[in-house]
C-alpha atoms as a PDB file:
ATOM      1  CA  UNK A   1    -146.071 -94.289  12.131  1.00  0.00           C
ATOM      2  CA  UNK A   2    -142.348 -93.442  12.200  1.00  0.00           C
ATOM      3  CA  UNK A   3    -142.268 -94.217  15.932  1.00  0.00           C
ATOM      4  CA  UNK A   4    -143.905 -97.633  15.393  1.00  0.00           C
ATOM      5  CA  UNK A   5    -141.475 -98.423  12.564  1.00  0.00           C
ATOM      6  CA  UNK A   6    -138.538 -97.624  14.893  1.00  0.00           C
ATOM      7  CA  UNK A   7    -140.004 -99.874  17.592  1.00  0.00           C
ATOM      8  CA  UNK A   8    -140.204-102.758  15.106  1.00  0.00           C
ATOM      9  CA  UNK A   9    -136.685-102.127  13.789  1.00  0.00           C
ATOM     10  CA  UNK A  10    -135.379-102.335  17.353  1.00  0.00           C
ATOM     11  CA  UNK A  11    -137.515-105.382  18.138  1.00  0.00           C
ATOM     12  CA  UNK A  12    -136.404-107.376  15.091  1.00  0.00           C
ATOM     13  CA  UNK A  13    -132.742-106.448  15.670  1.00  0.00           C
ATOM     14  CA  UNK A  14    -133.002-107.862  19.203  1.00  0.00           C
ATOM     15  CA  UNK A  15    -133.634-111.332  17.752  1.00  0.00           C
ATOM     16  CA  UNK A  16    -130.081-111.165  16.294  1.00  0.00           C
ATOM     17  CA  UNK A  17    -128.352-109.387  19.205  1.00  0.00           C
ATOM     18  CA  UNK A  18    -126.054-111.893  20.927  1.00  0.00           C
ATOM     19  CA  UNK A  19    -125.150-109.636  23.878  1.00  0.00           C
ATOM     20  CA  UNK A  20    -127.924-110.237  26.443  1.00  0.00           C
ATOM     21  CA  UNK A  21    -127.204-107.022  28.379  1.00  0.00           C
ATOM     22  CA  UNK A  22    -127.510-104.947  25.198  1.00  0.00           C
ATOM     23  CA  UNK A  23    -130.575-106.907  24.087  1.00  0.00           C
ATOM     24  CA  UNK A  24    -132.408-106.301  27.398  1.00  0.00           C
ATOM     25  CA  UNK A  25    -131.406-102.618  27.324  1.00  0.00           C
ATOM     26  CA  UNK A  26    -132.979-102.265  23.866  1.00  0.00           C
ATOM     27  CA  UNK A  27    -136.094-104.252  24.799  1.00  0.00           C
ATOM     28  CA  UNK A  28    -136.658-102.004  27.835  1.00  0.00           C
ATOM     29  CA  UNK A  29    -136.692 -98.981  25.527  1.00  0.00           C
ATOM     30  CA  UNK A  30    -139.584-100.340  23.448  1.00  0.00           C
ATOM     31  CA  UNK A  31    -141.625-102.496  25.874  1.00  0.00           C
ATOM     32  CA  UNK A  32    -143.779-101.855  28.917  1.00  0.00           C
ATOM     33  CA  UNK A  33    -142.696-103.403  32.224  1.00  0.00           C
ATOM     34  CA  UNK A  34    -145.687-105.783  32.080  1.00  0.00           C
ATOM     35  CA  UNK A  35    -145.041-106.813  28.468  1.00  0.00           C
ATOM     36  CA  UNK A  36    -146.428-110.187  27.297  1.00  0.00           C
ATOM     37  CA  UNK A  37    -145.326-112.333  24.346  1.00  0.00           C
ATOM     38  CA  UNK A  38    -147.182-115.338  22.934  1.00  0.00           C
ATOM     39  CA  UNK A  39    -146.438-117.608  20.006  1.00  0.00           C
ATOM     40  CA  UNK A  40    -147.446-121.191  19.141  1.00  0.00           C
ATOM     41  CA  UNK A  41    -144.615-122.506  21.355  1.00  0.00           C
ATOM     42  CA  UNK A  42    -144.532-120.234  24.436  1.00  0.00           C
ATOM     43  CA  UNK A  43    -146.215-117.661  26.646  1.00  0.00           C
ATOM     44  CA  UNK A  44    -143.768-115.193  28.226  1.00  0.00           C
ATOM     45  CA  UNK A  45    -144.010-112.227  30.561  1.00  0.00           C
ATOM     46  CA  UNK A  46    -141.458-109.425  30.609  1.00  0.00           C
ATOM     47  CA  UNK A  47    -138.504-108.541  28.464  1.00  0.00           C
ATOM     48  CA  UNK A  48    -136.084-110.727  30.458  1.00  0.00           C
ATOM     49  CA  UNK A  49    -138.030-113.900  29.608  1.00  0.00           C
ATOM     50  CA  UNK A  50    -138.291-112.748  25.993  1.00  0.00           C
ATOM     51  CA  UNK A  51    -134.550-112.049  25.900  1.00  0.00           C
ATOM     52  CA  UNK A  52    -133.822-115.603  27.075  1.00  0.00           C
ATOM     53  CA  UNK A  53    -136.180-116.956  24.389  1.00  0.00           C
ATOM     54  CA  UNK A  54    -134.330-114.867  21.790  1.00  0.00           C
ATOM     55  CA  UNK A  55    -131.035-116.346  22.992  1.00  0.00           C
ATOM     56  CA  UNK A  56    -132.428-119.866  22.557  1.00  0.00           C
ATOM     57  CA  UNK A  57    -133.660-118.921  19.081  1.00  0.00           C
ATOM     58  CA  UNK A  58    -130.139-117.772  18.116  1.00  0.00           C
ATOM     59  CA  UNK A  59    -128.673-121.122  19.195  1.00  0.00           C
ATOM     60  CA  UNK A  60    -131.259-123.057  17.203  1.00  0.00           C
ATOM     61  CA  UNK A  61    -131.236-120.838  14.095  1.00  0.00           C
ATOM     62  CA  UNK A  62    -127.630-119.646  13.807  1.00  0.00           C
ATOM     63  CA  UNK A  63    -127.331-116.565  11.607  1.00  0.00           C
ATOM     64  CA  UNK A  64    -131.093-116.099  11.180  1.00  0.00           C
ATOM     65  CA  UNK A  65    -132.728-112.688  11.355  1.00  0.00           C
ATOM     66  CA  UNK A  66    -136.070-111.045  10.664  1.00  0.00           C
ATOM     67  CA  UNK A  67    -137.201-108.489   8.109  1.00  0.00           C
ATOM     68  CA  UNK A  68    -140.488-106.626   8.278  1.00  0.00           C
ATOM     69  CA  UNK A  69    -142.478-106.826   5.039  1.00  0.00           C
ATOM     70  CA  UNK A  70    -145.576-104.851   6.065  1.00  0.00           C
ATOM     71  CA  UNK A  71    -147.065-102.985   9.046  1.00  0.00           C
ATOM     72  CA  UNK A  72    -150.683-101.919   9.418  1.00  0.00           C
ATOM     73  CA  UNK A  73    -151.483 -99.641  12.376  1.00  0.00           C
ATOM     74  CA  UNK A  74    -154.632 -98.232  13.955  1.00  0.00           C
ATOM     75  CA  UNK A  75    -156.165 -97.555  17.375  1.00  0.00           C
ATOM     76  CA  UNK A  76    -153.073 -98.526  19.370  1.00  0.00           C
ATOM     77  CA  UNK A  77    -152.706-101.875  17.585  1.00  0.00           C
ATOM     78  CA  UNK A  78    -150.643-103.197  14.731  1.00  0.00           C
ATOM     79  CA  UNK A  79    -150.445-106.167  12.420  1.00  0.00           C
ATOM     80  CA  UNK A  80    -146.919-106.816  11.232  1.00  0.00           C
ATOM     81  CA  UNK A  81    -145.865-109.335   8.586  1.00  0.00           C
ATOM     82  CA  UNK A  82    -142.287-110.585   8.546  1.00  0.00           C
ATOM     83  CA  UNK A  83    -139.836-112.982   6.947  1.00  0.00           C
ATOM     84  CA  UNK A  84    -137.209-115.017   8.745  1.00  0.00           C
ATOM     85  CA  UNK A  85    -134.036-115.116   6.652  1.00  0.00           C
ATOM     86  CA  UNK A  86    -130.901-117.225   6.991  1.00  0.00           C
ATOM     87  CA  UNK A  87    -127.319-115.951   6.913  1.00  0.00           C
ATOM     88  CA  UNK A  88    -127.460-115.908   3.074  1.00  0.00           C
ATOM     89  CA  UNK A  89    -130.550-113.649   3.267  1.00  0.00           C
ATOM     90  CA  UNK A  90    -132.801-116.419   1.910  1.00  0.00           C
ATOM     91  CA  UNK A  91    -136.349-116.523   3.263  1.00  0.00           C
ATOM     92  CA  UNK A  92    -136.745-119.650   5.407  1.00  0.00           C
ATOM     93  CA  UNK A  93    -140.014-118.755   7.161  1.00  0.00           C
ATOM     94  CA  UNK A  94    -142.641-116.084   7.559  1.00  0.00           C
ATOM     95  CA  UNK A  95    -145.361-115.016   9.909  1.00  0.00           C
ATOM     96  CA  UNK A  96    -147.402-112.232  11.435  1.00  0.00           C
ATOM     97  CA  UNK A  97    -147.427-110.420  14.767  1.00  0.00           C
ATOM     98  CA  UNK A  98    -150.443-108.737  16.301  1.00  0.00           C
ATOM     99  CA  UNK A  99    -149.365-106.130  18.853  1.00  0.00           C
ATOM    100  CA  UNK A 100    -150.896-103.682  21.293  1.00  0.00           C
ATOM    101  CA  UNK A 101    -149.226-100.555  22.641  1.00  0.00           C
ATOM    102  CA  UNK A 102    -149.361 -98.505  25.811  1.00  0.00           C
ATOM    103  CA  UNK A 103    -147.783 -95.080  26.232  1.00  0.00           C
ATOM    104  CA  UNK A 104    -145.804 -95.488  23.004  1.00  0.00           C
ATOM    105  CA  UNK A 105    -144.358 -98.901  23.927  1.00  0.00           C
ATOM    106  CA  UNK A 106    -145.170-102.505  23.047  1.00  0.00           C
ATOM    107  CA  UNK A 107    -147.504-104.007  25.645  1.00  0.00           C
ATOM    108  CA  UNK A 108    -148.286-107.353  24.039  1.00  0.00           C
ATOM    109  CA  UNK A 109    -147.261-109.361  20.962  1.00  0.00           C
ATOM    110  CA  UNK A 110    -149.034-112.440  19.666  1.00  0.00           C
ATOM    111  CA  UNK A 111    -146.924-114.069  16.959  1.00  0.00           C
ATOM    112  CA  UNK A 112    -148.346-116.413  14.335  1.00  0.00           C
ATOM    113  CA  UNK A 113    -146.191-118.753  12.246  1.00  0.00           C
ATOM    114  CA  UNK A 114    -146.102-122.340  11.074  1.00  0.00           C
ATOM    115  CA  UNK A 115    -144.877-124.600  13.845  1.00  0.00           C
ATOM    116  CA  UNK A 116    -142.019-127.004  13.146  1.00  0.00           C
END
Protein backbone atom coordinates (compact mmCIF):
# COMPACT_ATOMS: atom_id res chain seq x y z
CA UNK A 1 0.00 0.00 0.00
CA UNK A 2 2.79 2.44 0.91
CA UNK A 3 4.39 1.84 -2.50
CA UNK A 4 1.11 2.58 -4.32
CA UNK A 5 0.61 5.74 -2.25
CA UNK A 6 4.11 6.93 -3.26
CA UNK A 7 3.35 6.22 -6.92
CA UNK A 8 0.21 8.37 -6.71
CA UNK A 9 2.01 11.17 -4.85
CA UNK A 10 4.59 11.27 -7.64
CA UNK A 11 1.94 11.03 -10.35
CA UNK A 12 -0.19 13.88 -8.99
CA UNK A 13 2.89 16.08 -8.44
CA UNK A 14 3.80 15.61 -12.12
CA UNK A 15 0.61 17.44 -13.13
CA UNK A 16 2.08 20.56 -11.44
CA UNK A 17 5.73 20.10 -12.46
CA UNK A 18 6.59 22.77 -15.04
CA UNK A 19 10.04 21.38 -15.91
CA UNK A 20 9.39 18.78 -18.64
CA UNK A 21 12.75 17.03 -18.16
CA UNK A 22 12.06 16.58 -14.44
CA UNK A 23 8.46 15.57 -15.11
CA UNK A 24 9.48 12.83 -17.59
CA UNK A 25 12.20 11.63 -15.20
CA UNK A 26 9.59 11.21 -12.45
CA UNK A 27 7.04 9.58 -14.76
CA UNK A 28 9.65 7.02 -15.89
CA UNK A 29 10.15 6.02 -12.25
CA UNK A 30 6.48 5.10 -11.78
CA UNK A 31 5.29 3.96 -15.24
CA UNK A 32 5.99 1.04 -17.53
CA UNK A 33 7.52 1.77 -20.94
CA UNK A 34 4.23 0.76 -22.62
CA UNK A 35 2.08 2.89 -20.30
CA UNK A 36 -1.36 3.98 -21.57
CA UNK A 37 -3.54 6.88 -20.38
CA UNK A 38 -7.18 7.48 -21.30
CA UNK A 39 -9.63 10.16 -20.25
CA UNK A 40 -12.80 11.58 -21.83
CA UNK A 41 -10.66 13.88 -24.02
CA UNK A 42 -7.63 11.80 -25.09
CA UNK A 43 -5.96 8.43 -25.50
CA UNK A 44 -2.18 8.54 -24.97
CA UNK A 45 0.67 6.05 -25.07
CA UNK A 46 3.88 6.50 -23.12
CA UNK A 47 5.04 8.96 -20.53
CA UNK A 48 6.30 11.48 -23.12
CA UNK A 49 2.81 11.93 -24.59
CA UNK A 50 1.38 12.15 -21.07
CA UNK A 51 4.01 14.73 -20.12
CA UNK A 52 3.00 16.90 -23.08
CA UNK A 53 -0.66 16.58 -22.06
CA UNK A 54 0.29 17.65 -18.53
CA UNK A 55 2.07 20.69 -19.96
CA UNK A 56 -1.07 21.65 -21.89
CA UNK A 57 -3.13 21.18 -18.73
CA UNK A 58 -0.84 23.60 -16.84
CA UNK A 59 -1.33 26.26 -19.52
CA UNK A 60 -5.10 25.87 -19.42
CA UNK A 61 -5.46 25.58 -15.63
CA UNK A 62 -2.73 27.85 -14.25
CA UNK A 63 -1.93 27.04 -10.62
CA UNK A 64 -4.17 23.96 -10.47
CA UNK A 65 -3.08 20.76 -8.77
CA UNK A 66 -4.51 17.44 -7.65
CA UNK A 67 -5.08 15.90 -4.23
CA UNK A 68 -5.90 12.25 -3.66
CA UNK A 69 -8.96 11.74 -1.46
CA UNK A 70 -9.14 7.93 -1.47
CA UNK A 71 -7.35 4.87 -2.89
CA UNK A 72 -8.72 1.34 -2.99
CA UNK A 73 -6.29 -1.39 -4.07
CA UNK A 74 -6.53 -5.09 -4.86
CA UNK A 75 -5.22 -7.67 -7.35
CA UNK A 76 -2.84 -5.29 -9.13
CA UNK A 77 -5.54 -2.65 -9.68
CA UNK A 78 -6.59 0.52 -7.96
CA UNK A 79 -9.45 2.98 -7.88
CA UNK A 80 -8.33 6.45 -6.90
CA UNK A 81 -10.58 9.42 -6.19
CA UNK A 82 -9.16 12.93 -6.46
CA UNK A 83 -9.93 16.63 -6.33
CA UNK A 84 -8.56 19.28 -8.65
CA UNK A 85 -7.82 22.43 -6.66
CA UNK A 86 -6.96 25.95 -7.81
CA UNK A 87 -4.09 28.08 -6.54
CA UNK A 88 -6.21 29.07 -3.50
CA UNK A 89 -6.66 25.35 -2.68
CA UNK A 90 -10.38 25.50 -3.54
CA UNK A 91 -11.87 22.37 -5.11
CA UNK A 92 -12.78 23.15 -8.73
CA UNK A 93 -13.30 19.58 -9.98
CA UNK A 94 -13.12 15.94 -9.02
CA UNK A 95 -12.89 12.54 -10.57
CA UNK A 96 -11.68 8.97 -10.36
CA UNK A 97 -8.84 6.99 -11.92
CA UNK A 98 -8.87 3.25 -12.49
CA UNK A 99 -5.31 1.93 -12.82
CA UNK A 100 -3.50 -1.33 -13.47
CA UNK A 101 0.07 -2.12 -12.46
CA UNK A 102 2.89 -4.27 -13.75
CA UNK A 103 6.08 -5.03 -11.84
CA UNK A 104 5.31 -2.31 -9.29
CA UNK A 105 4.68 0.42 -11.88
CA UNK A 106 1.61 2.01 -13.45
CA UNK A 107 0.71 0.24 -16.69
CA UNK A 108 -2.59 1.93 -17.52
CA UNK A 109 -4.79 4.73 -16.16
CA UNK A 110 -8.37 5.40 -17.20
CA UNK A 111 -9.49 8.74 -15.78
CA UNK A 112 -13.14 9.67 -15.28
CA UNK A 113 -14.32 13.25 -14.76
CA UNK A 114 -16.99 15.62 -15.97
CA UNK A 115 -16.08 17.01 -19.37
CA UNK A 116 -16.13 20.77 -19.90
